[in-house]
């Protein structure tokens, strides 16, 4: 969803923020706003066919009911396939997507860029209260400076900055 329908109302947070137990309430609130009863997480990179299936005989994804708690989310992120800590999503995922069945919200996150793009947050309706409760979230310009630049020695590649700004330039 994040790339199929780029939005000027996209929010950005640090990649690592998604891997904290206290991010679970933000996910459940997104799901609830859109009528979803579960939150789905899918690891995009490394590739399941070339890494997770040969190494761990598993597909790197999970679904959690919104009634789950922060501990259950933390456990799912840290589940060690075959007892191997390196296979846990929290350690092995480089790119992930989160969403619900409604497909009206989504998060795409990339470890190498250091960012997560959130779409479908109720920012138009609530004047930022979701963002304030669950942040910090930034607009694309600030995210490039504070979250992405450190991953590129302080200088974001011009093509990357241009692409993200063109797709997600915020009006926040």
N, C-alpha and C. Protein backbone atom coordinates (compact mmCIF):
# COMPACT_ATOMS: atom_id res chain seq x y z
N UNK A 1 0.80 -1.20 0.00
CA UNK A 1 0.00 0.00 0.00
C UNK A 1 0.85 1.26 0.00
N UNK A 2 1.93 1.25 0.74
CA UNK A 2 2.74 2.45 0.91
C UNK A 2 3.28 2.93 -0.44
N UNK A 3 3.66 2.02 -1.32
CA UNK A 3 4.20 2.44 -2.61
C UNK A 3 3.16 2.46 -3.72
N UNK A 4 2.11 1.70 -3.58
CA UNK A 4 1.06 1.72 -4.60
C UNK A 4 0.29 3.02 -4.58
N UNK A 5 0.09 3.58 -3.40
CA UNK A 5 -0.68 4.81 -3.25
C UNK A 5 0.06 5.78 -2.33
N UNK A 6 1.20 6.34 -2.82
CA UNK A 6 1.93 7.28 -1.97
C UNK A 6 1.03 8.43 -1.54
N UNK A 7 1.24 8.90 -0.33
CA UNK A 7 0.38 9.92 0.24
C UNK A 7 1.20 11.07 0.80
N UNK A 8 0.70 12.25 0.62
CA UNK A 8 1.33 13.42 1.22
C UNK A 8 1.13 13.45 2.73
N UNK A 9 0.34 12.52 3.25
CA UNK A 9 0.12 12.45 4.69
C UNK A 9 0.89 11.30 5.33
N UNK A 10 1.93 10.82 4.65
CA UNK A 10 2.76 9.77 5.22
C UNK A 10 3.57 10.33 6.39
N UNK A 11 3.79 9.47 7.36
CA UNK A 11 4.62 9.82 8.52
C UNK A 11 5.84 8.90 8.52
N UNK A 12 6.91 9.37 9.11
CA UNK A 12 8.14 8.60 9.16
C UNK A 12 8.59 8.46 10.61
N UNK A 13 9.08 7.25 10.93
CA UNK A 13 9.72 7.03 12.23
C UNK A 13 10.98 6.22 11.98
N UNK A 14 11.76 6.05 13.02
CA UNK A 14 12.97 5.26 12.89
C UNK A 14 12.61 3.78 12.72
N UNK A 15 13.39 3.09 11.90
CA UNK A 15 13.18 1.67 11.66
C UNK A 15 13.12 0.91 12.98
N UNK A 16 14.05 1.16 13.85
CA UNK A 16 14.15 0.42 15.10
C UNK A 16 12.94 0.63 16.02
N UNK A 17 12.22 1.72 15.84
CA UNK A 17 11.04 1.97 16.68
C UNK A 17 10.01 0.85 16.54
N UNK A 18 9.93 0.26 15.35
CA UNK A 18 8.96 -0.83 15.13
C UNK A 18 9.29 -2.07 15.95
N UNK A 19 10.52 -2.18 16.37
CA UNK A 19 10.97 -3.38 17.07
C UNK A 19 11.03 -3.19 18.58
N UNK A 20 10.23 -2.28 19.07
CA UNK A 20 10.09 -2.09 20.50
C UNK A 20 8.69 -2.52 20.90
N UNK A 21 8.60 -3.19 22.02
CA UNK A 21 7.29 -3.66 22.48
C UNK A 21 6.30 -2.50 22.61
N UNK A 22 6.79 -1.33 22.99
CA UNK A 22 5.86 -0.22 23.20
C UNK A 22 5.35 0.41 21.90
N UNK A 23 5.73 -0.14 20.73
CA UNK A 23 5.13 0.30 19.47
C UNK A 23 3.82 -0.44 19.19
N UNK A 24 3.58 -1.53 19.91
CA UNK A 24 2.37 -2.32 19.70
C UNK A 24 1.08 -1.49 19.82
N UNK A 25 0.92 -0.62 20.81
CA UNK A 25 -0.30 0.18 20.87
C UNK A 25 -0.53 1.04 19.62
N UNK A 26 0.52 1.55 19.03
CA UNK A 26 0.37 2.33 17.79
C UNK A 26 -0.19 1.45 16.68
N UNK A 27 0.29 0.22 16.60
CA UNK A 27 -0.20 -0.72 15.57
C UNK A 27 -1.65 -1.11 15.81
N UNK A 28 -1.98 -1.39 17.06
CA UNK A 28 -3.37 -1.80 17.33
C UNK A 28 -4.34 -0.65 17.11
N UNK A 29 -3.89 0.56 17.39
CA UNK A 29 -4.76 1.71 17.14
C UNK A 29 -4.97 1.93 15.65
N UNK A 30 -3.92 1.77 14.86
CA UNK A 30 -4.07 1.86 13.40
C UNK A 30 -5.05 0.82 12.90
N UNK A 31 -4.89 -0.40 13.38
CA UNK A 31 -5.79 -1.48 12.96
C UNK A 31 -7.23 -1.14 13.36
N UNK A 32 -7.43 -0.70 14.58
CA UNK A 32 -8.78 -0.42 15.07
C UNK A 32 -9.44 0.72 14.29
N UNK A 33 -8.69 1.76 13.96
CA UNK A 33 -9.23 2.89 13.20
C UNK A 33 -9.80 2.41 11.87
N UNK A 34 -9.18 1.37 11.30
CA UNK A 34 -9.59 0.88 9.99
C UNK A 34 -10.40 -0.41 10.06
N UNK A 35 -10.82 -0.81 11.26
CA UNK A 35 -11.68 -1.97 11.42
C UNK A 35 -10.99 -3.31 11.28
N UNK A 36 -9.67 -3.35 11.44
CA UNK A 36 -8.94 -4.61 11.34
C UNK A 36 -8.85 -5.30 12.70
N UNK A 37 -8.96 -6.60 12.69
CA UNK A 37 -8.88 -7.35 13.94
C UNK A 37 -7.51 -7.97 14.17
N UNK A 38 -6.65 -7.90 13.15
CA UNK A 38 -5.29 -8.43 13.28
C UNK A 38 -4.30 -7.44 12.67
N UNK A 39 -3.06 -7.58 13.11
CA UNK A 39 -1.93 -6.86 12.53
C UNK A 39 -1.03 -7.92 11.92
N UNK A 40 -0.70 -7.74 10.64
CA UNK A 40 0.16 -8.69 9.93
C UNK A 40 1.54 -8.08 9.72
N UNK A 41 2.57 -8.87 9.94
CA UNK A 41 3.94 -8.47 9.66
C UNK A 41 4.53 -9.46 8.68
N UNK A 42 5.18 -8.96 7.64
CA UNK A 42 5.84 -9.78 6.63
C UNK A 42 7.25 -9.27 6.43
N UNK A 43 8.22 -10.17 6.48
CA UNK A 43 9.59 -9.80 6.17
C UNK A 43 9.75 -9.87 4.66
N UNK A 44 10.21 -8.77 4.07
CA UNK A 44 10.43 -8.70 2.63
C UNK A 44 11.87 -9.07 2.29
N UNK A 45 12.81 -8.56 3.07
CA UNK A 45 14.23 -8.91 2.90
C UNK A 45 14.79 -9.28 4.26
N UNK A 46 15.57 -10.34 4.33
CA UNK A 46 15.99 -11.19 3.25
C UNK A 46 14.82 -12.00 2.67
N UNK A 47 15.02 -12.44 1.47
CA UNK A 47 14.01 -13.18 0.74
C UNK A 47 13.70 -14.52 1.41
N UNK A 48 12.43 -14.83 1.53
CA UNK A 48 12.03 -16.08 2.19
C UNK A 48 12.58 -17.30 1.46
N UNK A 49 12.47 -17.33 0.14
CA UNK A 49 12.87 -18.51 -0.63
C UNK A 49 14.37 -18.77 -0.57
N UNK A 50 15.16 -17.70 -0.50
CA UNK A 50 16.61 -17.91 -0.51
C UNK A 50 17.25 -17.90 0.88
N UNK A 51 16.52 -17.43 1.90
CA UNK A 51 17.12 -17.37 3.23
C UNK A 51 16.32 -18.13 4.29
N UNK A 52 15.11 -17.70 4.57
CA UNK A 52 14.37 -18.26 5.69
C UNK A 52 13.94 -19.72 5.47
N UNK A 53 13.48 -20.04 4.30
CA UNK A 53 13.01 -21.41 4.06
C UNK A 53 14.17 -22.39 4.09
N UNK A 54 15.29 -22.14 3.37
CA UNK A 54 16.41 -23.08 3.46
C UNK A 54 17.04 -23.16 4.86
N UNK A 55 17.16 -22.02 5.51
CA UNK A 55 17.83 -21.98 6.81
C UNK A 55 16.95 -22.46 7.96
N UNK A 56 15.66 -22.07 7.95
CA UNK A 56 14.81 -22.29 9.12
C UNK A 56 13.52 -23.03 8.82
N UNK A 57 13.29 -23.37 7.57
CA UNK A 57 12.06 -24.06 7.14
C UNK A 57 10.81 -23.32 7.63
N UNK A 58 10.83 -22.00 7.45
CA UNK A 58 9.68 -21.18 7.86
C UNK A 58 9.58 -19.96 6.97
N UNK A 59 8.38 -19.42 6.93
CA UNK A 59 8.13 -18.18 6.20
C UNK A 59 8.17 -17.05 7.23
N UNK A 60 8.88 -15.96 6.95
CA UNK A 60 9.06 -14.90 7.94
C UNK A 60 7.87 -13.94 8.02
N UNK A 61 6.83 -14.36 8.70
CA UNK A 61 5.63 -13.54 8.83
C UNK A 61 4.88 -13.96 10.08
N UNK A 62 4.06 -13.04 10.59
CA UNK A 62 3.15 -13.41 11.67
C UNK A 62 1.95 -12.48 11.66
N UNK A 63 0.87 -12.96 12.23
CA UNK A 63 -0.35 -12.19 12.42
C UNK A 63 -0.69 -12.24 13.90
N UNK A 64 -1.02 -11.09 14.45
CA UNK A 64 -1.41 -11.03 15.86
C UNK A 64 -2.76 -10.34 15.98
N UNK A 65 -3.66 -10.91 16.76
CA UNK A 65 -4.93 -10.22 17.02
C UNK A 65 -4.67 -8.91 17.76
N UNK A 66 -5.48 -7.92 17.51
CA UNK A 66 -5.29 -6.62 18.17
C UNK A 66 -5.43 -6.73 19.68
N UNK A 67 -6.09 -7.79 20.15
CA UNK A 67 -6.23 -7.99 21.60
C UNK A 67 -4.93 -8.46 22.24
N UNK A 68 -3.94 -8.82 21.42
CA UNK A 68 -2.64 -9.23 21.97
C UNK A 68 -2.04 -8.07 22.74
N UNK A 69 -1.10 -8.41 23.57
CA UNK A 69 -0.45 -7.35 24.34
C UNK A 69 0.97 -7.11 23.84
N UNK A 70 1.63 -6.14 24.45
CA UNK A 70 2.99 -5.80 24.05
C UNK A 70 3.95 -6.97 24.19
N UNK A 71 3.75 -7.78 25.21
CA UNK A 71 4.62 -8.94 25.42
C UNK A 71 4.49 -9.94 24.28
N UNK A 72 3.28 -10.15 23.80
CA UNK A 72 3.08 -11.10 22.69
C UNK A 72 3.74 -10.58 21.42
N UNK A 73 3.64 -9.28 21.17
CA UNK A 73 4.31 -8.68 20.01
C UNK A 73 5.82 -8.86 20.15
N UNK A 74 6.35 -8.57 21.31
CA UNK A 74 7.79 -8.73 21.56
C UNK A 74 8.21 -10.19 21.35
N UNK A 75 7.41 -11.11 21.85
CA UNK A 75 7.72 -12.54 21.68
C UNK A 75 7.72 -12.93 20.20
N UNK A 76 6.77 -12.43 19.42
CA UNK A 76 6.70 -12.75 17.99
C UNK A 76 7.93 -12.20 17.26
N UNK A 77 8.35 -11.01 17.61
CA UNK A 77 9.54 -10.42 16.98
C UNK A 77 10.80 -11.20 17.32
N UNK A 78 10.83 -11.78 18.51
CA UNK A 78 12.03 -12.47 19.00
C UNK A 78 11.98 -13.98 18.88
N UNK A 79 10.92 -14.51 18.28
CA UNK A 79 10.82 -15.97 18.16
C UNK A 79 12.01 -16.51 17.37
N UNK A 80 12.68 -17.51 17.94
CA UNK A 80 13.88 -18.07 17.35
C UNK A 80 13.56 -19.36 16.61
N UNK A 81 13.52 -19.31 15.28
CA UNK A 81 13.24 -20.54 14.53
C UNK A 81 14.38 -21.55 14.72
N UNK A 82 14.00 -22.78 14.94
CA UNK A 82 15.00 -23.84 15.15
C UNK A 82 15.92 -23.51 16.32
N UNK A 83 15.47 -22.63 17.24
CA UNK A 83 16.29 -22.26 18.39
C UNK A 83 17.47 -21.37 18.04
N UNK A 84 17.46 -20.78 16.85
CA UNK A 84 18.58 -19.95 16.38
C UNK A 84 18.20 -18.47 16.48
N UNK A 85 18.87 -17.75 17.34
CA UNK A 85 18.57 -16.34 17.56
C UNK A 85 18.72 -15.51 16.29
N UNK A 86 19.64 -15.90 15.40
CA UNK A 86 19.87 -15.11 14.19
C UNK A 86 18.69 -15.16 13.22
N UNK A 87 17.77 -16.08 13.41
CA UNK A 87 16.60 -16.16 12.56
C UNK A 87 15.43 -15.34 13.06
N UNK A 88 15.52 -14.82 14.27
CA UNK A 88 14.43 -14.00 14.82
C UNK A 88 14.25 -12.76 13.95
N UNK A 89 13.01 -12.41 13.70
CA UNK A 89 12.69 -11.25 12.86
C UNK A 89 13.41 -10.00 13.34
N UNK A 90 13.47 -9.79 14.63
CA UNK A 90 14.09 -8.59 15.18
C UNK A 90 15.56 -8.48 14.79
N UNK A 91 16.22 -9.61 14.58
CA UNK A 91 17.65 -9.61 14.24
C UNK A 91 17.90 -9.76 12.74
N UNK A 92 17.03 -10.47 12.05
CA UNK A 92 17.33 -10.83 10.66
C UNK A 92 16.64 -9.98 9.61
N UNK A 93 15.54 -9.35 9.94
CA UNK A 93 14.78 -8.59 8.94
C UNK A 93 15.49 -7.30 8.56
N UNK A 94 15.60 -7.07 7.27
CA UNK A 94 16.16 -5.82 6.76
C UNK A 94 15.09 -4.93 6.15
N UNK A 95 14.00 -5.54 5.73
CA UNK A 95 12.88 -4.79 5.18
C UNK A 95 11.60 -5.52 5.57
N UNK A 96 10.64 -4.78 6.12
CA UNK A 96 9.38 -5.39 6.54
C UNK A 96 8.19 -4.55 6.09
N UNK A 97 7.05 -5.20 6.10
CA UNK A 97 5.78 -4.51 5.84
C UNK A 97 4.80 -4.94 6.93
N UNK A 98 4.00 -4.01 7.38
CA UNK A 98 2.93 -4.29 8.34
C UNK A 98 1.65 -3.70 7.78
N UNK A 99 0.54 -4.40 8.03
CA UNK A 99 -0.75 -3.92 7.59
C UNK A 99 -1.84 -4.75 8.23
N UNK A 100 -3.06 -4.45 7.84
CA UNK A 100 -4.22 -5.22 8.26
C UNK A 100 -5.00 -5.62 7.02
N UNK A 101 -6.04 -6.42 7.21
CA UNK A 101 -6.83 -6.92 6.08
C UNK A 101 -7.53 -5.83 5.29
N UNK A 102 -7.84 -4.71 5.91
CA UNK A 102 -8.54 -3.63 5.21
C UNK A 102 -7.70 -3.02 4.10
N UNK A 103 -6.39 -3.12 4.21
CA UNK A 103 -5.44 -2.50 3.27
C UNK A 103 -5.60 -0.99 3.21
N UNK A 104 -6.13 -0.39 4.28
CA UNK A 104 -6.28 1.06 4.34
C UNK A 104 -5.18 1.72 5.16
N UNK A 105 -4.27 0.92 5.67
CA UNK A 105 -3.11 1.44 6.36
C UNK A 105 -1.95 0.50 6.09
N UNK A 106 -0.75 1.01 6.22
CA UNK A 106 0.41 0.17 5.99
C UNK A 106 1.67 0.84 6.47
N UNK A 107 2.65 0.01 6.76
CA UNK A 107 3.97 0.49 7.14
C UNK A 107 4.98 -0.29 6.34
N UNK A 108 5.88 0.41 5.72
CA UNK A 108 7.01 -0.19 5.03
C UNK A 108 8.26 0.32 5.75
N UNK A 109 9.18 -0.58 6.07
CA UNK A 109 10.36 -0.18 6.83
C UNK A 109 11.61 -0.82 6.26
N UNK A 110 12.69 -0.05 6.24
CA UNK A 110 13.95 -0.50 5.66
C UNK A 110 15.08 -0.20 6.65
N UNK A 111 15.73 -1.27 7.11
CA UNK A 111 16.83 -1.13 8.08
C UNK A 111 17.98 -0.32 7.52
N UNK A 112 18.31 -0.53 6.23
CA UNK A 112 19.46 0.16 5.64
C UNK A 112 19.22 1.67 5.52
N UNK A 113 17.98 2.06 5.28
CA UNK A 113 17.66 3.49 5.23
C UNK A 113 17.40 4.05 6.62
N UNK A 114 17.06 3.18 7.57
CA UNK A 114 16.81 3.59 8.93
C UNK A 114 15.43 4.19 9.17
N UNK A 115 14.50 3.93 8.23
CA UNK A 115 13.18 4.55 8.35
C UNK A 115 12.05 3.55 8.20
N UNK A 116 10.91 3.98 8.69
CA UNK A 116 9.63 3.31 8.46
C UNK A 116 8.67 4.38 7.96
N UNK A 117 7.93 4.06 6.90
CA UNK A 117 6.93 4.97 6.32
C UNK A 117 5.56 4.46 6.76
N UNK A 118 4.79 5.31 7.41
CA UNK A 118 3.47 4.95 7.92
C UNK A 118 2.41 5.69 7.11
N UNK A 119 1.47 4.93 6.55
CA UNK A 119 0.34 5.53 5.86
C UNK A 119 -0.95 5.03 6.47
N UNK A 120 -1.93 5.88 6.44
CA UNK A 120 -3.24 5.52 6.99
C UNK A 120 -3.43 5.92 8.43
N UNK A 121 -2.44 6.60 9.01
CA UNK A 121 -2.60 7.09 10.38
C UNK A 121 -3.66 8.18 10.37
N UNK A 122 -4.41 8.30 11.43
CA UNK A 122 -5.51 9.28 11.48
C UNK A 122 -5.03 10.70 11.69
N UNK A 123 -4.08 11.15 10.87
CA UNK A 123 -3.53 12.49 11.08
C UNK A 123 -4.42 13.60 10.56
N UNK A 124 -5.24 13.31 9.55
CA UNK A 124 -6.09 14.37 9.02
C UNK A 124 -7.21 14.70 10.00
N UNK A 125 -7.70 13.69 10.73
CA UNK A 125 -8.88 13.86 11.56
C UNK A 125 -8.58 14.32 12.99
N UNK A 126 -7.43 13.94 13.52
CA UNK A 126 -7.25 14.16 14.95
C UNK A 126 -6.21 15.23 15.29
N UNK A 127 -5.82 16.00 14.30
CA UNK A 127 -4.86 17.09 14.52
C UNK A 127 -3.59 16.63 15.21
N UNK A 128 -3.16 15.41 14.94
CA UNK A 128 -1.88 14.94 15.43
C UNK A 128 -1.90 14.15 16.72
N UNK A 129 -3.05 13.87 17.31
CA UNK A 129 -3.02 13.18 18.60
C UNK A 129 -2.47 11.77 18.48
N UNK A 130 -2.78 11.04 17.41
CA UNK A 130 -2.20 9.69 17.22
C UNK A 130 -0.69 9.82 17.11
N UNK A 131 -0.26 10.76 16.33
CA UNK A 131 1.17 11.01 16.12
C UNK A 131 1.84 11.37 17.44
N UNK A 132 1.22 12.20 18.23
CA UNK A 132 1.82 12.61 19.50
C UNK A 132 1.86 11.47 20.50
N UNK A 133 0.81 10.66 20.55
CA UNK A 133 0.76 9.53 21.49
C UNK A 133 1.78 8.45 21.13
N UNK A 134 2.00 8.25 19.85
CA UNK A 134 2.77 7.09 19.40
C UNK A 134 4.11 7.41 18.78
N UNK A 135 4.46 8.68 18.67
CA UNK A 135 5.67 9.11 17.97
C UNK A 135 6.93 8.91 18.78
N UNK A 136 7.99 9.50 18.31
CA UNK A 136 8.00 10.64 17.41
C UNK A 136 7.88 10.23 15.93
N UNK A 137 7.09 10.98 15.19
CA UNK A 137 6.95 10.82 13.75
C UNK A 137 7.32 12.15 13.11
N UNK A 138 7.95 12.06 11.96
CA UNK A 138 8.39 13.25 11.24
C UNK A 138 7.83 13.24 9.83
N UNK A 139 7.84 14.40 9.20
CA UNK A 139 7.57 14.50 7.78
C UNK A 139 8.80 14.04 7.01
N UNK A 140 8.66 13.89 5.72
CA UNK A 140 9.74 13.32 4.92
C UNK A 140 11.02 14.16 4.98
N UNK A 141 10.91 15.47 4.92
CA UNK A 141 12.11 16.30 4.91
C UNK A 141 12.92 16.13 6.20
N UNK A 142 12.23 16.16 7.33
CA UNK A 142 12.92 15.98 8.61
C UNK A 142 13.43 14.55 8.78
N UNK A 143 12.67 13.57 8.28
CA UNK A 143 13.11 12.17 8.37
C UNK A 143 14.39 11.95 7.57
N UNK A 144 14.50 12.60 6.41
CA UNK A 144 15.73 12.47 5.63
C UNK A 144 16.93 12.98 6.41
N UNK A 145 16.76 14.06 7.12
CA UNK A 145 17.86 14.65 7.89
C UNK A 145 18.17 13.84 9.13
N UNK A 146 17.14 13.49 9.90
CA UNK A 146 17.37 12.89 11.22
C UNK A 146 17.47 11.36 11.21
N UNK A 147 16.79 10.69 10.30
CA UNK A 147 16.78 9.23 10.30
C UNK A 147 17.61 8.61 9.18
N UNK A 148 17.55 9.19 7.99
CA UNK A 148 18.22 8.58 6.83
C UNK A 148 19.67 9.02 6.70
N UNK A 149 19.94 10.30 6.83
CA UNK A 149 21.30 10.82 6.62
C UNK A 149 22.37 10.09 7.42
N UNK A 150 22.13 9.77 8.70
CA UNK A 150 23.18 9.07 9.45
C UNK A 150 23.59 7.72 8.83
N UNK A 151 22.70 7.12 8.05
CA UNK A 151 23.02 5.85 7.41
C UNK A 151 23.84 6.03 6.13
N UNK A 152 24.04 7.27 5.72
CA UNK A 152 24.79 7.58 4.50
C UNK A 152 25.91 8.57 4.80
N UNK A 153 26.50 8.46 5.97
CA UNK A 153 27.60 9.33 6.33
C UNK A 153 27.22 10.80 6.42
N UNK A 154 25.94 11.06 6.72
CA UNK A 154 25.48 12.42 6.89
C UNK A 154 24.92 13.06 5.63
N UNK A 155 25.05 12.42 4.48
CA UNK A 155 24.59 13.00 3.21
C UNK A 155 23.68 12.01 2.48
N UNK A 156 22.40 12.33 2.40
CA UNK A 156 21.43 11.46 1.71
C UNK A 156 21.66 11.56 0.20
N UNK A 157 21.76 10.42 -0.50
CA UNK A 157 21.88 10.49 -1.96
C UNK A 157 20.74 11.30 -2.56
N UNK A 158 21.09 12.18 -3.49
CA UNK A 158 20.12 13.10 -4.07
C UNK A 158 18.94 12.37 -4.72
N UNK A 159 19.20 11.27 -5.40
CA UNK A 159 18.11 10.53 -6.06
C UNK A 159 17.13 9.98 -5.03
N UNK A 160 17.64 9.46 -3.92
CA UNK A 160 16.79 8.92 -2.87
C UNK A 160 15.96 10.04 -2.23
N UNK A 161 16.59 11.13 -1.92
CA UNK A 161 15.87 12.26 -1.32
C UNK A 161 14.79 12.77 -2.26
N UNK A 162 15.11 12.87 -3.53
CA UNK A 162 14.13 13.35 -4.51
C UNK A 162 12.95 12.41 -4.65
N UNK A 163 13.23 11.10 -4.67
CA UNK A 163 12.16 10.12 -4.81
C UNK A 163 11.23 10.12 -3.59
N UNK A 164 11.80 10.10 -2.41
CA UNK A 164 10.97 10.09 -1.20
C UNK A 164 10.18 11.39 -1.06
N UNK A 165 10.80 12.50 -1.37
CA UNK A 165 10.10 13.79 -1.26
C UNK A 165 8.97 13.89 -2.27
N UNK A 166 9.22 13.41 -3.49
CA UNK A 166 8.18 13.46 -4.52
C UNK A 166 6.97 12.59 -4.15
N UNK A 167 7.23 11.44 -3.55
CA UNK A 167 6.13 10.52 -3.21
C UNK A 167 5.45 10.87 -1.90
N UNK A 168 6.21 11.39 -0.95
CA UNK A 168 5.67 11.53 0.40
C UNK A 168 5.83 12.92 1.00
N UNK A 169 6.05 13.92 0.18
CA UNK A 169 6.21 15.28 0.71
C UNK A 169 5.03 15.65 1.59
N UNK A 170 5.28 15.87 2.87
CA UNK A 170 4.21 16.09 3.84
C UNK A 170 3.70 17.52 3.86
N UNK A 171 2.47 17.64 4.29
CA UNK A 171 1.85 18.92 4.54
C UNK A 171 1.56 19.04 6.04
N UNK A 172 2.40 18.50 6.86
CA UNK A 172 2.17 18.51 8.31
C UNK A 172 2.52 19.84 8.92
